[in-house]
C-alpha atoms as a PDB file:
ATOM      1  CA  MET A   1    -113.143 -40.834 -43.760  1.00  0.00           C
ATOM      2  CA  THR A   2    -115.678 -39.188 -46.046  1.00  0.00           C
ATOM      3  CA  ASN A   3    -118.634 -37.367 -44.559  1.00  0.00           C
ATOM      4  CA  PRO A   4    -121.563 -39.787 -44.906  1.00  0.00           C
ATOM      5  CA  ASP A   5    -125.085 -38.959 -45.902  1.00  0.00           C
ATOM      6  CA  PRO A   6    -127.486 -39.528 -43.011  1.00  0.00           C
ATOM      7  CA  PRO A   7    -128.767 -43.125 -42.859  1.00  0.00           C
ATOM      8  CA  ILE A   8    -131.905 -43.687 -44.887  1.00  0.00           C
ATOM      9  CA  ASP A   9    -134.500 -46.402 -44.954  1.00  0.00           C
ATOM     10  CA  ALA A  10    -135.519 -48.228 -48.113  1.00  0.00           C
ATOM     11  CA  GLY A  11    -138.858 -46.430 -47.901  1.00  0.00           C
ATOM     12  CA  GLU A  12    -137.133 -43.071 -48.067  1.00  0.00           C
ATOM     13  CA  LEU A  13    -135.832 -43.701 -51.601  1.00  0.00           C
ATOM     14  CA  SER A  14    -138.172 -41.506 -53.618  1.00  0.00           C
ATOM     15  CA  SER A  15    -138.458 -40.590 -57.270  1.00  0.00           C
ATOM     16  CA  GLU A  16    -136.314 -37.538 -56.497  1.00  0.00           C
ATOM     17  CA  ALA A  17    -133.366 -39.711 -55.397  1.00  0.00           C
ATOM     18  CA  PRO A  18    -130.734 -41.063 -57.793  1.00  0.00           C
ATOM     19  CA  VAL A  19    -131.650 -44.325 -59.495  1.00  0.00           C
ATOM     20  CA  LEU A  20    -128.947 -46.186 -57.582  1.00  0.00           C
ATOM     21  CA  THR A  21    -128.044 -46.018 -53.904  1.00  0.00           C
ATOM     22  CA  LEU A  22    -125.050 -47.847 -52.485  1.00  0.00           C
ATOM     23  CA  PHE A  23    -124.941 -48.653 -48.789  1.00  0.00           C
ATOM     24  CA  HIS A  24    -121.230 -48.955 -48.078  1.00  0.00           C
ATOM     25  CA  HIS A  25    -118.383 -48.212 -45.728  1.00  0.00           C
ATOM     26  CA  PRO A  26    -115.276 -46.360 -46.990  1.00  0.00           C
ATOM     27  CA  PHE A  27    -112.979 -49.026 -45.535  1.00  0.00           C
ATOM     28  CA  CYS A  28    -115.043 -52.063 -46.454  1.00  0.00           C
ATOM     29  CA  PRO A  29    -113.017 -53.636 -49.297  1.00  0.00           C
ATOM     30  CA  HIS A  30    -116.131 -55.177 -50.863  1.00  0.00           C
ATOM     31  CA  SER A  31    -117.716 -51.722 -50.944  1.00  0.00           C
ATOM     32  CA  ARG A  32    -114.593 -50.254 -52.505  1.00  0.00           C
ATOM     33  CA  PHE A  33    -114.804 -52.859 -55.258  1.00  0.00           C
ATOM     34  CA  VAL A  34    -118.348 -51.825 -56.152  1.00  0.00           C
ATOM     35  CA  ARG A  35    -117.437 -48.138 -56.063  1.00  0.00           C
ATOM     36  CA  MET A  36    -114.556 -48.805 -58.485  1.00  0.00           C
ATOM     37  CA  VAL A  37    -116.788 -50.782 -60.836  1.00  0.00           C
ATOM     38  CA  LEU A  38    -119.443 -48.065 -60.837  1.00  0.00           C
ATOM     39  CA  GLY A  39    -116.741 -45.487 -61.484  1.00  0.00           C
ATOM     40  CA  GLU A  40    -115.238 -47.543 -64.304  1.00  0.00           C
ATOM     41  CA  TYR A  41    -118.617 -47.701 -66.008  1.00  0.00           C
ATOM     42  CA  GLY A  42    -119.461 -44.063 -65.283  1.00  0.00           C
ATOM     43  CA  ILE A  43    -122.522 -45.071 -63.243  1.00  0.00           C
ATOM     44  CA  GLU A  44    -123.581 -42.557 -60.615  1.00  0.00           C
ATOM     45  CA  ALA A  45    -124.893 -43.735 -57.259  1.00  0.00           C
ATOM     46  CA  ARG A  46    -125.777 -42.074 -54.005  1.00  0.00           C
ATOM     47  CA  LEU A  47    -123.348 -43.270 -51.326  1.00  0.00           C
ATOM     48  CA  VAL A  48    -124.746 -43.938 -47.862  1.00  0.00           C
ATOM     49  CA  GLU A  49    -122.204 -44.866 -45.212  1.00  0.00           C
ATOM     50  CA  GLU A  50    -123.362 -47.817 -43.129  1.00  0.00           C
ATOM     51  CA  ARG A  51    -121.744 -48.872 -39.868  1.00  0.00           C
ATOM     52  CA  VAL A  52    -122.825 -52.466 -39.847  1.00  0.00           C
ATOM     53  CA  TRP A  53    -121.966 -53.002 -36.184  1.00  0.00           C
ATOM     54  CA  ASP A  54    -124.889 -50.712 -35.294  1.00  0.00           C
ATOM     55  CA  ARG A  55    -127.256 -53.361 -36.698  1.00  0.00           C
ATOM     56  CA  ARG A  56    -129.805 -50.817 -37.918  1.00  0.00           C
ATOM     57  CA  GLU A  57    -133.196 -52.411 -38.349  1.00  0.00           C
ATOM     58  CA  ALA A  58    -133.829 -50.611 -41.643  1.00  0.00           C
ATOM     59  CA  PHE A  59    -130.517 -51.808 -43.075  1.00  0.00           C
ATOM     60  CA  LEU A  60    -131.145 -55.379 -41.928  1.00  0.00           C
ATOM     61  CA  GLY A  61    -134.402 -55.158 -43.843  1.00  0.00           C
ATOM     62  CA  LEU A  62    -132.335 -54.606 -46.992  1.00  0.00           C
ATOM     63  CA  ASN A  63    -129.759 -57.278 -46.173  1.00  0.00           C
ATOM     64  CA  PRO A  64    -130.521 -59.652 -43.273  1.00  0.00           C
ATOM     65  CA  ALA A  65    -126.851 -60.719 -43.306  1.00  0.00           C
ATOM     66  CA  GLY A  66    -126.024 -57.233 -42.061  1.00  0.00           C
ATOM     67  CA  THR A  67    -123.009 -56.745 -44.348  1.00  0.00           C
ATOM     68  CA  THR A  68    -121.980 -54.129 -46.871  1.00  0.00           C
ATOM     69  CA  PRO A  69    -122.228 -53.340 -49.716  1.00  0.00           C
ATOM     70  CA  VAL A  70    -125.890 -53.284 -50.689  1.00  0.00           C
ATOM     71  CA  LEU A  71    -127.039 -51.731 -53.963  1.00  0.00           C
ATOM     72  CA  VAL A  72    -130.582 -50.424 -54.215  1.00  0.00           C
ATOM     73  CA  GLU A  73    -132.153 -49.576 -57.554  1.00  0.00           C
ATOM     74  CA  GLU A  74    -135.648 -48.143 -57.758  1.00  0.00           C
ATOM     75  CA  GLY A  75    -138.219 -50.767 -58.593  1.00  0.00           C
ATOM     76  CA  HIS A  76    -135.894 -53.709 -57.912  1.00  0.00           C
ATOM     77  CA  PRO A  77    -135.040 -55.833 -54.866  1.00  0.00           C
ATOM     78  CA  ALA A  78    -131.971 -54.815 -52.882  1.00  0.00           C
ATOM     79  CA  VAL A  79    -128.798 -56.425 -54.219  1.00  0.00           C
ATOM     80  CA  PRO A  80    -126.422 -57.508 -51.408  1.00  0.00           C
ATOM     81  CA  GLY A  81    -122.753 -58.431 -51.630  1.00  0.00           C
ATOM     82  CA  ALA A  82    -119.892 -57.558 -53.967  1.00  0.00           C
ATOM     83  CA  GLN A  83    -120.105 -60.638 -56.182  1.00  0.00           C
ATOM     84  CA  ILE A  84    -123.884 -60.471 -56.574  1.00  0.00           C
ATOM     85  CA  ILE A  85    -123.749 -56.746 -57.318  1.00  0.00           C
ATOM     86  CA  ALA A  86    -121.069 -57.388 -59.962  1.00  0.00           C
ATOM     87  CA  GLU A  87    -123.277 -59.963 -61.650  1.00  0.00           C
ATOM     88  CA  TYR A  88    -126.289 -57.645 -61.418  1.00  0.00           C
ATOM     89  CA  ILE A  89    -124.411 -54.752 -63.016  1.00  0.00           C
ATOM     90  CA  ASP A  90    -123.187 -57.034 -65.795  1.00  0.00           C
ATOM     91  CA  GLU A  91    -126.666 -58.422 -66.439  1.00  0.00           C
ATOM     92  CA  THR A  92    -128.381 -55.031 -66.459  1.00  0.00           C
ATOM     93  CA  ARG A  93    -125.676 -52.853 -68.044  1.00  0.00           C
ATOM     94  CA  GLY A  94    -122.847 -55.031 -69.322  1.00  0.00           C
ATOM     95  CA  ALA A  95    -124.154 -55.388 -72.855  1.00  0.00           C
ATOM     96  CA  ASP A  96    -123.953 -51.628 -73.331  1.00  0.00           C
ATOM     97  CA  THR A  97    -120.300 -51.333 -72.276  1.00  0.00           C
ATOM     98  CA  GLY A  98    -118.712 -52.900 -75.354  1.00  0.00           C
ATOM     99  CA  ASP A  99    -114.978 -53.497 -75.026  1.00  0.00           C
ATOM    100  CA  ARG A 100    -115.028 -52.056 -71.502  1.00  0.00           C
ATOM    101  CA  ARG A 101    -117.127 -54.944 -70.198  1.00  0.00           C
ATOM    102  CA  LEU A 102    -115.542 -56.271 -66.989  1.00  0.00           C
ATOM    103  CA  LEU A 103    -116.989 -59.773 -67.330  1.00  0.00           C
ATOM    104  CA  PRO A 104    -116.149 -61.179 -70.784  1.00  0.00           C
ATOM    105  CA  ALA A 105    -119.159 -61.857 -72.970  1.00  0.00           C
ATOM    106  CA  ASN A 106    -119.676 -65.202 -74.753  1.00  0.00           C
ATOM    107  CA  ALA A 107    -116.397 -66.595 -73.387  1.00  0.00           C
ATOM    108  CA  PRO A 108    -117.148 -69.232 -70.721  1.00  0.00           C
ATOM    109  CA  ARG A 109    -113.499 -70.054 -70.001  1.00  0.00           C
ATOM    110  CA  GLU A 110    -112.571 -66.404 -69.488  1.00  0.00           C
ATOM    111  CA  ARG A 111    -115.692 -65.746 -67.414  1.00  0.00           C
ATOM    112  CA  VAL A 112    -114.811 -68.638 -65.119  1.00  0.00           C
ATOM    113  CA  GLU A 113    -111.302 -67.256 -64.596  1.00  0.00           C
ATOM    114  CA  VAL A 114    -112.613 -63.781 -63.780  1.00  0.00           C
ATOM    115  CA  ARG A 115    -115.066 -65.246 -61.284  1.00  0.00           C
ATOM    116  CA  ARG A 116    -112.430 -67.553 -59.779  1.00  0.00           C
ATOM    117  CA  LEU A 117    -109.970 -64.751 -59.124  1.00  0.00           C
ATOM    118  CA  SER A 118    -112.675 -62.382 -57.919  1.00  0.00           C
ATOM    119  CA  ASP A 119    -113.753 -65.008 -55.424  1.00  0.00           C
ATOM    120  CA  TRP A 120    -110.118 -65.541 -54.370  1.00  0.00           C
ATOM    121  CA  PHE A 121    -109.869 -61.941 -53.219  1.00  0.00           C
ATOM    122  CA  HIS A 122    -113.435 -61.418 -52.002  1.00  0.00           C
ATOM    123  CA  ALA A 123    -113.347 -64.615 -49.938  1.00  0.00           C
ATOM    124  CA  LYS A 124    -109.849 -65.986 -49.290  1.00  0.00           C
ATOM    125  CA  PHE A 125    -107.866 -62.727 -49.201  1.00  0.00           C
ATOM    126  CA  PHE A 126    -110.667 -61.097 -47.223  1.00  0.00           C
ATOM    127  CA  GLU A 127    -110.721 -63.855 -44.622  1.00  0.00           C
ATOM    128  CA  GLU A 128    -106.936 -64.080 -44.276  1.00  0.00           C
ATOM    129  CA  VAL A 129    -105.897 -60.444 -44.689  1.00  0.00           C
ATOM    130  CA  SER A 130    -108.182 -57.490 -45.365  1.00  0.00           C
ATOM    131  CA  SER A 131    -110.998 -58.363 -42.955  1.00  0.00           C
ATOM    132  CA  ILE A 132    -108.500 -58.781 -40.123  1.00  0.00           C
ATOM    133  CA  LEU A 133    -106.587 -55.567 -40.793  1.00  0.00           C
ATOM    134  CA  VAL A 134    -109.679 -53.427 -41.305  1.00  0.00           C
ATOM    135  CA  THR A 135    -111.501 -54.830 -38.284  1.00  0.00           C
ATOM    136  CA  GLU A 136    -108.529 -54.513 -35.943  1.00  0.00           C
ATOM    137  CA  LYS A 137    -107.195 -51.170 -37.161  1.00  0.00           C
ATOM    138  CA  VAL A 138    -110.335 -49.348 -38.330  1.00  0.00           C
ATOM    139  CA  PHE A 139    -113.690 -50.742 -37.230  1.00  0.00           C
ATOM    140  CA  LYS A 140    -112.723 -51.401 -33.597  1.00  0.00           C
ATOM    141  CA  ARG A 141    -112.092 -47.670 -33.203  1.00  0.00           C
ATOM    142  CA  TYR A 142    -115.809 -47.009 -33.619  1.00  0.00           C
ATOM    143  CA  MET A 143    -117.312 -50.083 -31.954  1.00  0.00           C
ATOM    144  CA  THR A 144    -118.358 -50.262 -28.331  1.00  0.00           C
ATOM    145  CA  ARG A 145    -117.065 -53.024 -26.082  1.00  0.00           C
ATOM    146  CA  GLU A 146    -120.400 -54.770 -26.479  1.00  0.00           C
ATOM    147  CA  GLN A 147    -120.027 -54.613 -30.265  1.00  0.00           C
ATOM    148  CA  GLY A 148    -116.529 -56.112 -30.152  1.00  0.00           C
ATOM    149  CA  GLY A 149    -114.537 -52.897 -30.019  1.00  0.00           C
ATOM    150  CA  GLY A 150    -111.377 -52.310 -28.070  1.00  0.00           C
ATOM    151  CA  PRO A 151    -107.632 -52.325 -28.686  1.00  0.00           C
ATOM    152  CA  PRO A 152    -106.374 -54.091 -31.811  1.00  0.00           C
ATOM    153  CA  ASP A 153    -105.318 -57.720 -31.532  1.00  0.00           C
ATOM    154  CA  GLY A 154    -101.589 -57.683 -32.288  1.00  0.00           C
ATOM    155  CA  GLN A 155    -101.428 -61.417 -32.912  1.00  0.00           C
ATOM    156  CA  ALA A 156    -104.211 -61.233 -35.499  1.00  0.00           C
ATOM    157  CA  ILE A 157    -102.493 -58.317 -37.249  1.00  0.00           C
ATOM    158  CA  ARG A 158     -99.201 -60.207 -37.391  1.00  0.00           C
ATOM    159  CA  ALA A 159    -100.983 -63.199 -38.922  1.00  0.00           C
ATOM    160  CA  ALA A 160    -102.583 -60.995 -41.595  1.00  0.00           C
ATOM    161  CA  ARG A 161     -99.219 -59.398 -42.412  1.00  0.00           C
ATOM    162  CA  SER A 162     -97.726 -62.851 -42.815  1.00  0.00           C
ATOM    163  CA  ASN A 163    -100.600 -64.064 -44.979  1.00  0.00           C
ATOM    164  CA  ILE A 164    -100.440 -61.118 -47.348  1.00  0.00           C
ATOM    165  CA  ARG A 165     -97.000 -62.158 -48.548  1.00  0.00           C
ATOM    166  CA  TYR A 166     -98.102 -65.324 -50.304  1.00  0.00           C
ATOM    167  CA  HIS A 167    -101.143 -63.562 -51.764  1.00  0.00           C
ATOM    168  CA  LEU A 168     -98.847 -60.851 -53.126  1.00  0.00           C
ATOM    169  CA  ALA A 169     -96.521 -63.469 -54.621  1.00  0.00           C
ATOM    170  CA  TYR A 170     -99.463 -65.152 -56.375  1.00  0.00           C
ATOM    171  CA  LEU A 171    -100.746 -61.823 -57.652  1.00  0.00           C
ATOM    172  CA  GLY A 172     -97.278 -60.959 -58.927  1.00  0.00           C
ATOM    173  CA  TRP A 173     -97.029 -64.263 -60.760  1.00  0.00           C
ATOM    174  CA  LEU A 174    -100.374 -63.595 -62.459  1.00  0.00           C
ATOM    175  CA  ALA A 175     -99.309 -60.056 -63.363  1.00  0.00           C
ATOM    176  CA  ARG A 176     -96.099 -61.281 -64.972  1.00  0.00           C
ATOM    177  CA  ALA A 177     -97.809 -64.065 -66.904  1.00  0.00           C
ATOM    178  CA  ARG A 178    -100.733 -62.004 -68.228  1.00  0.00           C
ATOM    179  CA  HIS A 179    -101.537 -58.492 -69.335  1.00  0.00           C
ATOM    180  CA  TRP A 180    -104.217 -58.231 -66.610  1.00  0.00           C
ATOM    181  CA  LEU A 181    -104.882 -60.675 -63.782  1.00  0.00           C
ATOM    182  CA  ALA A 182    -107.472 -62.825 -65.567  1.00  0.00           C
ATOM    183  CA  GLY A 183    -106.128 -62.467 -69.098  1.00  0.00           C
ATOM    184  CA  ASP A 184    -105.763 -59.894 -71.842  1.00  0.00           C
ATOM    185  CA  ARG A 185    -108.457 -57.529 -70.619  1.00  0.00           C
ATOM    186  CA  LEU A 186    -109.155 -55.540 -67.491  1.00  0.00           C
ATOM    187  CA  SER A 187    -111.854 -57.320 -65.504  1.00  0.00           C
ATOM    188  CA  TYR A 188    -113.685 -57.631 -62.215  1.00  0.00           C
ATOM    189  CA  ALA A 189    -110.712 -59.676 -60.997  1.00  0.00           C
ATOM    190  CA  ASP A 190    -108.390 -56.661 -61.159  1.00  0.00           C
ATOM    191  CA  PHE A 191    -110.762 -54.458 -59.195  1.00  0.00           C
ATOM    192  CA  ALA A 192    -111.440 -57.167 -56.623  1.00  0.00           C
ATOM    193  CA  ALA A 193    -107.724 -57.529 -55.948  1.00  0.00           C
ATOM    194  CA  ALA A 194    -107.121 -53.773 -55.969  1.00  0.00           C
ATOM    195  CA  ALA A 195    -110.015 -53.050 -53.614  1.00  0.00           C
ATOM    196  CA  HIS A 196    -108.756 -55.408 -50.924  1.00  0.00           C
ATOM    197  CA  LEU A 197    -105.137 -54.363 -51.355  1.00  0.00           C
ATOM    198  CA  SER A 198    -106.100 -50.685 -51.163  1.00  0.00           C
ATOM    199  CA  CYS A 199    -107.366 -51.127 -47.608  1.00  0.00           C
ATOM    200  CA  ALA A 200    -104.147 -52.838 -46.532  1.00  0.00           C
ATOM    201  CA  ASP A 201    -102.157 -50.214 -48.440  1.00  0.00           C
ATOM    202  CA  TYR A 202    -103.868 -47.357 -46.585  1.00  0.00           C
ATOM    203  CA  LEU A 203    -102.782 -49.008 -43.335  1.00  0.00           C
ATOM    204  CA  GLY A 204     -99.206 -49.480 -44.569  1.00  0.00           C
ATOM    205  CA  ASP A 205     -99.367 -53.271 -44.496  1.00  0.00           C
ATOM    206  CA  VAL A 206     -98.473 -54.190 -48.089  1.00  0.00           C
ATOM    207  CA  PRO A 207     -94.792 -55.163 -48.570  1.00  0.00           C
ATOM    208  CA  TRP A 208     -94.571 -53.809 -52.115  1.00  0.00           C
ATOM    209  CA  ASN A 209     -90.801 -54.196 -52.170  1.00  0.00           C
ATOM    210  CA  GLU A 210     -91.229 -57.990 -52.195  1.00  0.00           C
ATOM    211  CA  ASP A 211     -92.798 -58.278 -55.657  1.00  0.00           C
ATOM    212  CA  GLU A 212     -92.165 -55.844 -58.482  1.00  0.00           C
ATOM    213  CA  GLY A 213     -94.767 -57.477 -60.738  1.00  0.00           C
ATOM    214  CA  ALA A 214     -97.531 -56.977 -58.197  1.00  0.00           C
ATOM    215  CA  LYS A 215     -96.414 -53.419 -57.532  1.00  0.00           C
ATOM    216  CA  ASN A 216     -96.378 -52.489 -61.237  1.00  0.00           C
ATOM    217  CA  TRP A 217     -99.813 -54.025 -61.767  1.00  0.00           C
ATOM    218  CA  TYR A 218    -101.245 -52.134 -58.801  1.00  0.00           C
ATOM    219  CA  ALA A 219     -99.780 -48.868 -60.084  1.00  0.00           C
ATOM    220  CA  ARG A 220    -101.640 -49.403 -63.382  1.00  0.00           C
ATOM    221  CA  VAL A 221    -104.978 -49.991 -61.663  1.00  0.00           C
ATOM    222  CA  LYS A 222    -104.346 -47.223 -59.140  1.00  0.00           C
ATOM    223  CA  SER A 223    -103.876 -44.688 -61.941  1.00  0.00           C
ATOM    224  CA  ARG A 224    -107.343 -45.264 -63.394  1.00  0.00           C
ATOM    225  CA  PRO A 225    -109.906 -42.461 -62.869  1.00  0.00           C
ATOM    226  CA  SER A 226    -112.249 -44.915 -61.129  1.00  0.00           C
ATOM    227  CA  PHE A 227    -109.665 -45.204 -58.323  1.00  0.00           C
ATOM    228  CA  ARG A 228    -109.560 -41.493 -57.479  1.00  0.00           C
ATOM    229  CA  ALA A 229    -112.431 -41.544 -54.984  1.00  0.00           C
ATOM    230  CA  ILE A 230    -110.806 -44.464 -53.172  1.00  0.00           C
ATOM    231  CA  LEU A 231    -107.527 -42.567 -52.844  1.00  0.00           C
ATOM    232  CA  ALA A 232    -109.438 -39.637 -51.356  1.00  0.00           C
ATOM    233  CA  ASP A 233    -110.848 -41.695 -48.456  1.00  0.00           C
ATOM    234  CA  ARG A 234    -109.480 -40.663 -45.059  1.00  0.00           C
ATOM    235  CA  MET A 235    -109.924 -41.910 -41.513  1.00  0.00           C
ATOM    236  CA  PRO A 236    -109.910 -39.176 -38.816  1.00  0.00           C
ATOM    237  CA  GLY A 237    -106.862 -39.434 -36.626  1.00  0.00           C
ATOM    238  CA  ALA A 238    -105.207 -42.051 -38.831  1.00  0.00           C
ATOM    239  CA  PRO A 239    -103.687 -40.674 -42.052  1.00  0.00           C
ATOM    240  CA  PRO A 240    -102.816 -43.110 -44.840  1.00  0.00           C
ATOM    241  CA  ALA A 241     -99.395 -44.574 -45.487  1.00  0.00           C
ATOM    242  CA  PRO A 242     -97.146 -41.990 -47.216  1.00  0.00           C
ATOM    243  CA  THR A 243     -97.403 -43.595 -50.667  1.00  0.00           C
ATOM    244  CA  TYR A 244    -101.130 -44.436 -50.498  1.00  0.00           C
ATOM    245  CA  ALA A 245    -102.211 -41.723 -52.936  1.00  0.00           C
ATOM    246  CA  ASP A 246     -98.913 -41.640 -54.830  1.00  0.00           C
ATOM    247  CA  LEU A 247     -99.433 -42.958 -58.378  1.00  0.00           C
ATOM    248  CA  ASP A 248     -95.697 -43.398 -58.842  1.00  0.00           C
ATOM    249  CA  PHE A 249     -94.824 -45.226 -55.656  1.00  0.00           C
END
């Protein structure tokens, strides 16, 4: 796991700090999504690791829901949640990105599809797969008994491993039918899917041999420069699956 900056309060963000600060956790898939998007757009942000189970009062002041990620920009209210941050980045910076825009401009049908698929992974895949695997295999290592820590729940892990198979089949079908998941262009949908899969992939829980289309699509996203920081994430005492950082897996 990366070495975090010390926790900071909203009041500590001064004029000397970067314009953007992202409260995140390296193995929070929603945080990984935002990091990829920022990297894709070449937007720099200070990364502050937040362990949400500590329920820091200062962090709850930024996001009463107590979840990561939260983006803070000087002079603006805190922006909580992957989907809301994606919309905020598009509204404030999307017009300047031209053909690299990750939410299609002036194309309602395409925008709906990007949002639909993004929500599929941020909500459905998260609930059925990535949240379970990350909580059981990563977060519980650092949580006290009172916070819900303890040994991983094998039954929950088996359920997540079963669920991932139909998600992977759907992703593979999309990848074979389209150039990118939501259509002809790379979009938020691709990074949403890749962010959640990357957490499961680190833990060795993605059966890539079951769908070549999904595997080939993931290799394309994984090879993008914006993915490099994600591939560098490490958890002490738990190295990634052998092919995690392999671009030709």
